[in-house]
Amino acid sequence: MARVTGVKALPIIGLVFVCLGLAGLVGAGVLAWLEMNGSRQASANGVIVDFAAGPVVEFTTGQGATAQFRSGVRSTSFALGQRVPVAYDPADPADAAIDGFIGRWFLPGLFAMIFGAFLVIGIALCLLGRVLRPRLA
């Protein structure tokens, strides 16, 4: 089997990037769908009461119970005593997140940005290989 090098390798590398980009964008869509259709359908207002490996948020459920959760998102935009919207599962108030881009949509958004870049780079490499190949032949 002959080794493919130089400009001839660009479409192959581009195809790998396109495949990774498409797979990652599908993953981003799945993550977004899971968040939209997940169990965190109830909302409440919470307050940040501590910072222990991320903000600790306390809120009152619709049934009047007090609940706390630790957000996995660490951000300098949060401050002690800050009021934040909360999305939670009424059956399990510990399954909660800060209701906003950072709390709920960061991971799907990050996947979409990174793998969208993979897709664009892959398409560019494929096109570049297609344009340069005839010129060098």
Protein backbone atom coordinates (compact mmCIF):
# COMPACT_ATOMS: atom_id res chain seq x y z
CA MET A 1 0.00 0.00 0.00
CA ALA A 2 1.42 3.37 -1.03
CA ARG A 3 1.92 6.11 1.50
CA VAL A 4 -0.15 9.26 0.93
CA THR A 5 1.75 12.46 1.69
CA GLY A 6 1.69 16.15 0.93
CA VAL A 7 -1.26 17.74 -0.82
CA LYS A 8 -2.78 14.32 -1.57
CA ALA A 9 -3.27 13.82 2.18
CA LEU A 10 -5.33 17.00 2.65
CA PRO A 11 -8.68 15.51 1.54
CA ILE A 12 -8.14 12.48 3.77
CA ILE A 13 -7.30 14.62 6.80
CA GLY A 14 -10.20 16.91 5.89
CA LEU A 15 -12.58 13.95 5.75
CA VAL A 16 -11.45 12.84 9.22
CA PHE A 17 -12.10 16.37 10.55
CA VAL A 18 -15.51 16.48 8.83
CA CYS A 19 -16.48 13.13 10.40
CA LEU A 20 -15.32 14.26 13.85
CA GLY A 21 -17.14 17.56 13.43
CA LEU A 22 -20.40 15.91 12.41
CA ALA A 23 -20.18 13.37 15.25
CA GLY A 24 -19.50 16.16 17.76
CA LEU A 25 -22.38 18.27 16.46
CA VAL A 26 -24.69 15.28 16.80
CA GLY A 27 -23.39 14.91 20.37
CA ALA A 28 -24.10 18.60 21.04
CA GLY A 29 -27.62 18.14 19.72
CA VAL A 30 -28.16 15.11 21.95
CA LEU A 31 -26.88 17.01 25.01
CA ALA A 32 -29.18 19.95 24.21
CA TRP A 33 -32.15 17.62 23.64
CA LEU A 34 -31.49 15.84 26.95
CA GLU A 35 -31.35 19.18 28.78
CA MET A 36 -34.54 20.49 27.12
CA ASN A 37 -36.52 17.31 27.71
CA GLY A 38 -34.94 16.30 31.02
CA SER A 39 -36.52 16.21 34.42
CA ARG A 40 -35.47 19.75 35.46
CA GLN A 41 -38.79 21.32 34.52
CA ALA A 42 -39.62 23.24 37.72
CA SER A 43 -38.13 26.64 38.44
CA ALA A 44 -37.36 28.63 41.56
CA ASN A 45 -35.25 31.54 42.72
CA GLY A 46 -32.10 30.61 44.61
CA VAL A 47 -29.27 32.33 46.39
CA ILE A 48 -25.57 31.46 46.39
CA VAL A 49 -24.72 30.59 50.00
CA ASP A 50 -21.19 29.18 49.67
CA PHE A 51 -18.35 28.44 47.29
CA ALA A 52 -16.98 24.93 47.76
CA ALA A 53 -15.60 23.67 44.43
CA GLY A 54 -18.29 25.74 42.71
CA PRO A 55 -21.24 27.82 43.89
CA VAL A 56 -23.58 26.22 46.42
CA VAL A 57 -27.13 27.38 45.75
CA GLU A 58 -30.04 27.20 48.19
CA PHE A 59 -33.63 27.48 47.02
CA THR A 60 -37.18 26.74 48.11
CA THR A 61 -39.16 24.19 46.11
CA GLY A 62 -42.78 24.63 45.05
CA GLN A 63 -43.76 22.40 47.99
CA GLY A 64 -41.99 24.75 50.45
CA ALA A 65 -38.98 22.54 51.19
CA THR A 66 -35.50 24.06 51.26
CA ALA A 67 -32.93 22.39 49.01
CA GLN A 68 -29.28 22.93 48.15
CA PHE A 69 -27.06 21.88 45.29
CA ARG A 70 -23.50 22.50 44.18
CA SER A 71 -23.17 23.78 40.64
CA GLY A 72 -20.46 22.08 38.64
CA VAL A 73 -19.78 25.31 36.75
CA ARG A 74 -17.14 27.50 38.30
CA SER A 75 -17.31 31.08 37.12
CA THR A 76 -16.08 34.42 38.35
CA SER A 77 -19.46 35.90 37.40
CA PHE A 78 -21.04 34.48 40.58
CA ALA A 79 -20.88 36.21 43.96
CA LEU A 80 -21.83 35.18 47.49
CA GLY A 81 -25.42 36.21 48.20
CA GLN A 82 -26.25 36.58 44.51
CA ARG A 83 -29.77 35.57 43.50
CA VAL A 84 -29.90 33.11 40.61
CA PRO A 85 -32.71 31.34 38.75
CA VAL A 86 -32.81 27.58 39.38
CA ALA A 87 -34.21 24.72 37.29
CA TYR A 88 -34.84 21.55 39.28
CA ASP A 89 -36.54 18.17 39.19
CA PRO A 90 -39.66 18.34 41.41
CA ALA A 91 -39.26 14.65 42.28
CA ASP A 92 -35.58 15.14 43.22
CA PRO A 93 -34.73 18.76 44.14
CA ALA A 94 -31.05 17.84 44.46
CA ASP A 95 -31.07 17.40 40.66
CA ALA A 96 -30.85 21.11 39.97
CA ALA A 97 -28.86 23.61 37.94
CA ILE A 98 -28.49 27.33 37.67
CA ASP A 99 -31.01 28.18 34.96
CA GLY A 100 -29.06 30.03 32.32
CA PHE A 101 -26.47 29.51 29.64
CA ILE A 102 -23.63 28.81 32.05
CA GLY A 103 -25.60 26.40 34.22
CA ARG A 104 -27.57 24.43 31.65
CA TRP A 105 -26.31 25.12 28.14
CA PHE A 106 -22.55 25.48 28.56
CA LEU A 107 -21.66 21.89 27.67
CA PRO A 108 -23.87 21.62 24.56
CA GLY A 109 -22.65 25.06 23.46
CA LEU A 110 -19.02 24.12 24.00
CA PHE A 111 -19.47 20.90 22.01
CA ALA A 112 -21.15 22.84 19.20
CA MET A 113 -18.37 25.45 19.03
CA ILE A 114 -15.46 23.01 19.15
CA PHE A 115 -16.89 20.46 16.75
CA GLY A 116 -18.33 23.14 14.49
CA ALA A 117 -14.74 24.38 14.12
CA PHE A 118 -13.65 20.81 13.30
CA LEU A 119 -16.31 20.69 10.59
CA VAL A 120 -15.27 24.02 9.06
CA ILE A 121 -11.56 23.08 9.14
CA GLY A 122 -12.37 19.71 7.58
CA ILE A 123 -14.34 21.28 4.75
CA ALA A 124 -11.55 23.82 4.18
CA LEU A 125 -8.92 21.06 4.04
CA CYS A 126 -11.01 19.04 1.58
CA LEU A 127 -11.49 22.06 -0.66
CA LEU A 128 -7.85 23.09 -0.39
CA GLY A 129 -6.71 19.60 -1.36
CA ARG A 130 -9.11 19.61 -4.28
CA VAL A 131 -7.85 23.00 -5.53
CA LEU A 132 -4.12 22.35 -5.03
CA ARG A 133 -4.01 18.78 -6.32
CA PRO A 134 -4.58 19.60 -10.03
CA ARG A 135 -2.13 22.53 -9.88
CA LEU A 136 0.69 20.34 -8.60
CA ALA A 137 -0.02 17.41 -10.93
